[in-house]
Amino acid sequence: EDVDLAVRAADAAFKRGDWSDLNPRARGRVLARAAELLRENLGELVELETRQTGRCLREYKAQLGRVPEWFEYHASYAAAKGFEGRLPALTESDHVNMVWRVPLGVCGLITPWNHPVLIAAKKISVALAAGNTVVVKPPLEAPLTVLRLAELLSDAGLPPSTLQVLPGDGPAAGDALARHPVVEKLDFTGGTATGLLIQKSMAECGRVRSYCAELGGNAPVLVFADTRSVEEAVDGVLFSAYVASGQTCVSGKRTLG
């Protein structure tokens, strides 16, 4: 019921056009202001992220320092490009082909617990820049920074109900979001098994919709014979394997020499 309320509110906001019909340059200004507010509140976000996940404060200081840049990038893209139409070249002189980019509607975003606000920011910034409304299901174990991010976006001028944040567990909230008939696109970051379950749930709802999934991660580390320093190579291998306690999408799981 909560998922349905959130999606319906986001859909109503999309149809009102307060955000979806807004000039892309105006949307860019809101996102740029959100980036400023994020940078001003980084200390609070870093501490909150560390407290809810247990990851080292030093690591989050480095990681979250880049979060405002996602909003700055997509704000500048919206302002510069405006998501304007284009006329592709055609061989037939009696035809005109127009490509015009428009918002999809409600986007459902399901984000993981290992990088709660970073991955949420990547997804939210581009979805909003394109004029969509968004329902985010943050991780049940670590929802606080995503909720705070939504507050900062509201302070920056994002219209009401344009961004909904709905904490909940995967089998209930995540599955309901994947099955909801109003959601036009779903984006998920997490384990491969869960990604397949989401794909199955989306298929069972009776509509073909866009699905983007970043699943798992098992990266090899290559050490070559001409390495400058064995000690430096060992440090690099250990860092890749154990940064964030090994809970990253590009964690070094194998070493090949």
Foldseek 3Di string as FASTA:
>chain_A
DVLVVLQVLLQVVLVVPPQQVDFLLVLLQLLLQLLVVLQVCVVVLLVLLCVLQVADSVVSVVQSVCLSVLSNVLSVCCNPVSQAKDWDDDPDPVDTDIDGQGQQEEEEEEEESLNFRNVVSNVVNNNSSRRYAYEYATELSRCVSVVVSVVSSVVSPDDPSSYHYDYDHCVPNVLCNLLDPRHQEYEYEEAPVSLVVSVVSNVVSPDDHYYHYLHAAEAAAEDDPVDPDPVVSVVVLCCLQQRSHNPDRHRHHHYHD
